[in-house]
Structures are given as structure tokens and as C-alpha cells.
N, C-alpha and C. Protein backbone atom coordinates (compact mmCIF):
# COMPACT_ATOMS: atom_id res chain seq x y z
N MET A 1 77.41 135.36 61.23
CA MET A 1 78.30 135.14 62.34
C MET A 1 78.30 133.65 62.67
N ALA A 2 79.45 133.06 62.78
CA ALA A 2 79.57 131.64 63.05
C ALA A 2 79.48 131.38 64.55
N ARG A 3 78.85 130.27 64.85
CA ARG A 3 78.75 129.87 66.27
C ARG A 3 79.83 128.85 66.58
N SER A 4 80.43 128.99 67.71
CA SER A 4 81.40 127.99 68.12
C SER A 4 80.73 127.05 69.11
N ILE A 5 81.09 125.81 69.02
CA ILE A 5 80.51 124.81 69.91
C ILE A 5 81.56 124.42 70.94
N VAL A 6 81.19 124.51 72.18
CA VAL A 6 82.09 124.13 73.26
C VAL A 6 81.82 122.68 73.61
N ARG A 7 82.83 121.88 73.47
CA ARG A 7 82.67 120.46 73.80
C ARG A 7 83.31 120.19 75.16
N GLY A 8 82.74 119.25 75.87
CA GLY A 8 83.30 118.91 77.17
C GLY A 8 82.72 119.78 78.26
N ASN A 9 83.49 120.00 79.26
CA ASN A 9 83.04 120.75 80.43
C ASN A 9 82.97 122.24 80.10
N ALA A 10 81.84 122.84 80.34
CA ALA A 10 81.67 124.27 80.07
C ALA A 10 82.46 125.13 81.04
N HIS A 11 82.83 124.58 82.17
CA HIS A 11 83.60 125.31 83.19
C HIS A 11 84.82 124.48 83.57
N PRO A 12 85.84 124.46 82.71
CA PRO A 12 86.96 123.55 82.94
C PRO A 12 87.78 123.83 84.20
N HIS A 13 87.72 125.04 84.73
CA HIS A 13 88.53 125.36 85.90
C HIS A 13 87.77 125.24 87.21
N ARG A 14 86.50 124.96 87.11
CA ARG A 14 85.70 124.78 88.32
C ARG A 14 85.92 123.36 88.83
N PRO A 15 86.24 123.19 90.10
CA PRO A 15 86.45 121.83 90.62
C PRO A 15 85.16 121.02 90.54
N LEU A 16 85.34 119.75 90.30
CA LEU A 16 84.18 118.86 90.23
C LEU A 16 83.54 118.75 91.60
N LEU A 17 82.25 118.71 91.61
CA LEU A 17 81.50 118.60 92.85
C LEU A 17 81.54 117.15 93.32
N GLN A 18 82.01 116.94 94.50
CA GLN A 18 82.02 115.60 95.07
C GLN A 18 80.89 115.53 96.07
N LEU A 19 80.02 114.58 95.87
CA LEU A 19 78.88 114.46 96.77
C LEU A 19 79.33 113.80 98.06
N ALA A 20 79.41 114.59 99.09
CA ALA A 20 79.86 114.09 100.39
C ALA A 20 78.91 113.05 100.95
N ALA A 21 77.65 113.11 100.57
CA ALA A 21 76.67 112.16 101.08
C ALA A 21 77.02 110.74 100.67
N ASP A 22 77.71 110.56 99.55
CA ASP A 22 78.08 109.23 99.10
C ASP A 22 79.16 108.61 99.97
N ASP A 23 79.84 109.43 100.76
CA ASP A 23 80.92 108.95 101.60
C ASP A 23 80.44 108.41 102.94
N TYR A 24 79.17 108.54 103.22
CA TYR A 24 78.63 108.14 104.52
C TYR A 24 77.53 107.10 104.35
N VAL A 25 77.35 106.27 105.36
CA VAL A 25 76.28 105.28 105.34
C VAL A 25 74.96 106.04 105.43
N PRO A 26 74.04 105.81 104.48
CA PRO A 26 72.78 106.58 104.46
C PRO A 26 71.87 106.23 105.62
N ALA A 27 71.06 107.19 106.03
CA ALA A 27 70.12 106.98 107.13
C ALA A 27 68.89 106.23 106.65
N THR A 28 68.56 106.37 105.39
CA THR A 28 67.38 105.69 104.86
C THR A 28 67.83 104.49 104.04
N SER A 29 67.53 103.34 104.53
CA SER A 29 67.86 102.11 103.83
C SER A 29 67.02 101.00 104.42
N THR A 30 67.22 99.80 103.91
CA THR A 30 66.49 98.65 104.45
C THR A 30 67.01 98.30 105.84
N LEU A 31 68.11 98.90 106.23
CA LEU A 31 68.71 98.64 107.54
C LEU A 31 68.53 99.83 108.46
N ALA A 32 67.32 100.32 108.54
CA ALA A 32 67.03 101.48 109.40
C ALA A 32 67.43 101.17 110.84
N GLY A 33 68.09 102.11 111.47
CA GLY A 33 68.53 101.94 112.84
C GLY A 33 69.90 101.31 112.97
N ALA A 34 70.60 101.12 111.85
CA ALA A 34 71.93 100.51 111.89
C ALA A 34 72.90 101.39 112.66
N ALA A 35 73.78 100.76 113.42
CA ALA A 35 74.76 101.50 114.22
C ALA A 35 75.74 102.28 113.36
N CYS A 36 75.92 101.88 112.11
CA CYS A 36 76.88 102.54 111.22
C CYS A 36 76.31 103.77 110.52
N THR A 37 75.03 104.05 110.70
CA THR A 37 74.41 105.20 110.03
C THR A 37 75.18 106.47 110.36
N GLY A 38 75.57 107.20 109.33
CA GLY A 38 76.32 108.43 109.49
C GLY A 38 77.82 108.24 109.59
N THR A 39 78.28 107.00 109.56
CA THR A 39 79.70 106.70 109.63
C THR A 39 80.29 106.74 108.22
N LYS A 40 81.55 107.15 108.10
CA LYS A 40 82.20 107.15 106.79
C LYS A 40 82.31 105.71 106.30
N THR A 41 81.87 105.46 105.07
CA THR A 41 81.89 104.11 104.51
C THR A 41 83.30 103.58 104.33
N ASP A 42 84.28 104.47 104.17
CA ASP A 42 85.67 104.03 104.00
C ASP A 42 86.12 103.13 105.14
N LEU A 43 85.62 103.37 106.31
CA LEU A 43 86.00 102.59 107.48
C LEU A 43 85.69 101.11 107.28
N PHE A 44 84.61 100.80 106.59
CA PHE A 44 84.18 99.42 106.41
C PHE A 44 84.83 98.74 105.20
N PHE A 45 85.66 99.48 104.47
CA PHE A 45 86.32 98.93 103.29
C PHE A 45 87.83 99.12 103.34
N ASP A 46 88.36 99.53 104.49
CA ASP A 46 89.78 99.76 104.67
C ASP A 46 90.41 98.47 105.20
N GLY A 47 91.52 98.08 104.64
CA GLY A 47 92.17 96.84 105.07
C GLY A 47 93.05 97.00 106.30
N ASP A 48 93.21 98.21 106.78
CA ASP A 48 94.04 98.47 107.95
C ASP A 48 93.44 97.75 109.17
N PRO A 49 94.25 96.99 109.91
CA PRO A 49 93.74 96.25 111.07
C PRO A 49 93.00 97.11 112.10
N ARG A 50 93.46 98.35 112.30
CA ARG A 50 92.77 99.23 113.26
C ARG A 50 91.39 99.61 112.75
N SER A 51 91.28 99.87 111.45
CA SER A 51 89.98 100.21 110.86
C SER A 51 89.03 99.02 110.92
N VAL A 52 89.56 97.84 110.63
CA VAL A 52 88.75 96.62 110.69
C VAL A 52 88.22 96.42 112.11
N ALA A 53 89.09 96.59 113.10
CA ALA A 53 88.68 96.42 114.50
C ALA A 53 87.61 97.43 114.89
N LEU A 54 87.77 98.67 114.45
CA LEU A 54 86.78 99.71 114.77
C LEU A 54 85.45 99.42 114.08
N ALA A 55 85.50 99.01 112.82
CA ALA A 55 84.27 98.68 112.09
C ALA A 55 83.54 97.52 112.76
N LYS A 56 84.28 96.51 113.17
CA LYS A 56 83.67 95.36 113.85
C LYS A 56 83.08 95.77 115.20
N GLN A 57 83.73 96.70 115.88
CA GLN A 57 83.22 97.19 117.16
C GLN A 57 81.88 97.90 116.95
N ILE A 58 81.77 98.66 115.88
CA ILE A 58 80.50 99.33 115.56
C ILE A 58 79.44 98.28 115.27
N CYS A 59 79.79 97.25 114.51
CA CYS A 59 78.84 96.18 114.17
C CYS A 59 78.38 95.41 115.41
N ASP A 60 79.28 95.25 116.39
CA ASP A 60 78.94 94.49 117.60
C ASP A 60 77.73 95.06 118.34
N SER A 61 77.57 96.38 118.29
CA SER A 61 76.46 97.00 119.01
C SER A 61 75.25 97.28 118.12
N CYS A 62 75.26 96.75 116.90
CA CYS A 62 74.22 97.08 115.93
C CYS A 62 72.97 96.20 116.09
N PRO A 63 71.79 96.84 116.15
CA PRO A 63 70.56 96.07 116.30
C PRO A 63 70.13 95.32 115.03
N VAL A 64 70.71 95.67 113.88
CA VAL A 64 70.33 95.00 112.63
C VAL A 64 71.51 94.23 112.03
N ARG A 65 72.42 93.83 112.89
CA ARG A 65 73.63 93.12 112.45
C ARG A 65 73.31 91.85 111.67
N ALA A 66 72.41 91.04 112.17
CA ALA A 66 72.09 89.78 111.51
C ALA A 66 71.48 90.02 110.12
N LEU A 67 70.60 91.01 110.02
CA LEU A 67 69.98 91.33 108.74
C LEU A 67 71.02 91.86 107.75
N CYS A 68 71.94 92.68 108.23
CA CYS A 68 73.02 93.22 107.40
C CYS A 68 73.86 92.08 106.84
N LEU A 69 74.23 91.14 107.69
CA LEU A 69 75.02 89.99 107.26
C LEU A 69 74.24 89.14 106.26
N GLU A 70 72.98 88.92 106.55
CA GLU A 70 72.13 88.12 105.66
C GLU A 70 72.06 88.75 104.26
N GLN A 71 71.87 90.06 104.21
CA GLN A 71 71.78 90.75 102.92
C GLN A 71 73.11 90.73 102.18
N ALA A 72 74.20 90.89 102.90
CA ALA A 72 75.53 90.84 102.27
C ALA A 72 75.80 89.46 101.69
N MET A 73 75.40 88.43 102.42
CA MET A 73 75.59 87.06 101.93
C MET A 73 74.73 86.82 100.69
N ALA A 74 73.51 87.32 100.69
CA ALA A 74 72.61 87.15 99.54
C ALA A 74 73.15 87.89 98.31
N ARG A 75 73.76 89.06 98.52
CA ARG A 75 74.33 89.84 97.41
C ARG A 75 75.72 89.36 97.02
N LYS A 76 76.27 88.44 97.81
CA LYS A 76 77.62 87.93 97.60
C LYS A 76 78.64 89.06 97.55
N GLU A 77 78.55 89.93 98.58
CA GLU A 77 79.48 91.06 98.68
C GLU A 77 80.91 90.53 98.73
N ARG A 78 81.75 91.03 97.87
CA ARG A 78 83.13 90.55 97.78
C ARG A 78 84.11 91.37 98.60
N PHE A 79 83.67 92.53 99.07
CA PHE A 79 84.56 93.43 99.79
C PHE A 79 83.84 94.03 100.98
N GLY A 80 84.59 94.50 101.94
CA GLY A 80 84.02 95.25 103.06
C GLY A 80 83.55 94.41 104.23
N ILE A 81 83.20 95.12 105.29
CA ILE A 81 82.70 94.49 106.50
C ILE A 81 81.20 94.69 106.56
N PHE A 82 80.48 93.59 106.67
CA PHE A 82 79.02 93.61 106.77
C PHE A 82 78.64 92.66 107.89
N GLY A 83 77.78 93.09 108.77
CA GLY A 83 77.34 92.24 109.87
C GLY A 83 78.47 91.81 110.78
N GLY A 84 79.53 92.60 110.81
CA GLY A 84 80.65 92.29 111.69
C GLY A 84 81.66 91.32 111.13
N LEU A 85 81.50 90.91 109.87
CA LEU A 85 82.43 89.97 109.26
C LEU A 85 83.11 90.57 108.04
N THR A 86 84.39 90.25 107.87
CA THR A 86 85.11 90.67 106.67
C THR A 86 84.69 89.77 105.51
N ALA A 87 85.11 90.13 104.31
CA ALA A 87 84.78 89.32 103.13
C ALA A 87 85.34 87.91 103.27
N ASP A 88 86.58 87.80 103.77
CA ASP A 88 87.18 86.47 103.96
C ASP A 88 86.40 85.65 104.98
N GLU A 89 85.97 86.28 106.06
CA GLU A 89 85.21 85.57 107.09
C GLU A 89 83.85 85.12 106.55
N ARG A 90 83.26 85.92 105.67
CA ARG A 90 81.96 85.53 105.09
C ARG A 90 82.11 84.36 104.13
N ARG A 91 83.28 84.24 103.50
CA ARG A 91 83.50 83.16 102.53
C ARG A 91 83.77 81.81 103.19
N LYS A 92 84.24 81.83 104.44
CA LYS A 92 84.56 80.57 105.13
C LYS A 92 83.28 79.79 105.36
N PRO A 93 83.31 78.50 105.03
CA PRO A 93 82.10 77.70 105.28
C PRO A 93 81.84 77.58 106.77
N ARG A 94 80.59 77.69 107.11
CA ARG A 94 80.21 77.56 108.52
C ARG A 94 79.98 76.09 108.83
N ARG A 95 80.48 75.70 109.96
CA ARG A 95 80.27 74.32 110.37
C ARG A 95 78.87 74.18 110.92
N ARG A 96 78.20 73.15 110.48
CA ARG A 96 76.84 72.90 110.96
C ARG A 96 76.86 71.66 111.84
N LYS A 97 76.07 71.74 112.88
CA LYS A 97 75.97 70.58 113.77
C LYS A 97 75.15 69.51 113.07
N VAL A 98 75.69 68.34 113.05
CA VAL A 98 74.97 67.21 112.46
C VAL A 98 74.46 66.36 113.61
N VAL A 99 73.16 66.20 113.65
CA VAL A 99 72.55 65.39 114.70
C VAL A 99 72.35 63.99 114.13
N ARG A 100 72.95 63.03 114.78
CA ARG A 100 72.83 61.65 114.31
C ARG A 100 71.84 60.89 115.17
N ALA A 101 71.08 60.08 114.51
CA ALA A 101 70.10 59.26 115.23
C ALA A 101 70.85 58.20 116.05
N ALA A 102 70.38 57.97 117.27
CA ALA A 102 71.05 57.01 118.15
C ALA A 102 70.64 55.60 117.88
């Protein structure tokens, strides 16, 4: 008796499992206590002005905002809102005060 080999998905009509946990900011991370924990990550990567405003509002009340921004800058994040700043805002050079000797 010959054996047939099934290639590909063994259950082609079963819908693929989408891990809903990937859609939310995880509770366990280096940014424990972040205000965005449990929030849909799409909010922080949506270009819609209302979404950007809401994401920034969440960041405004975040106790780890500075650390989040620092890590995003170190990773050179090219997209999304981190530490209350969009990717474009993070790319803008910050002006530094120059103290001149009198």
C-alpha cells in the first residue's frame, strides 16, 4: 500500500490562529509600569492625527516616558510613537544650550 505525503498545511480550511497577545503592549518588559501596558499597539503606529494625539496623551501620563524615549533613540526606531514623540520628532536635532565663558 502506497503512502501519500501531504505537503503544506494539514488543515487547509482551518483559519490561521492569530495571536491576539501580539496586538497589545506586553505587561512584562523593561518598561514595567508603562501607561501603555494593555493598549493596542496599532494606536502607536497609526498615522491618523486623532490616534497620534491619543497615543501622546497616554505617553504624557507615563512614569517611564523618559526611559521609553531613551530606548527608542538607542534602537533608532524608525516608526511609531515612543516616549511621546513621533518618529519625525525623534529625528529632529535637539538644540543644546551653549554656555559661553564671559
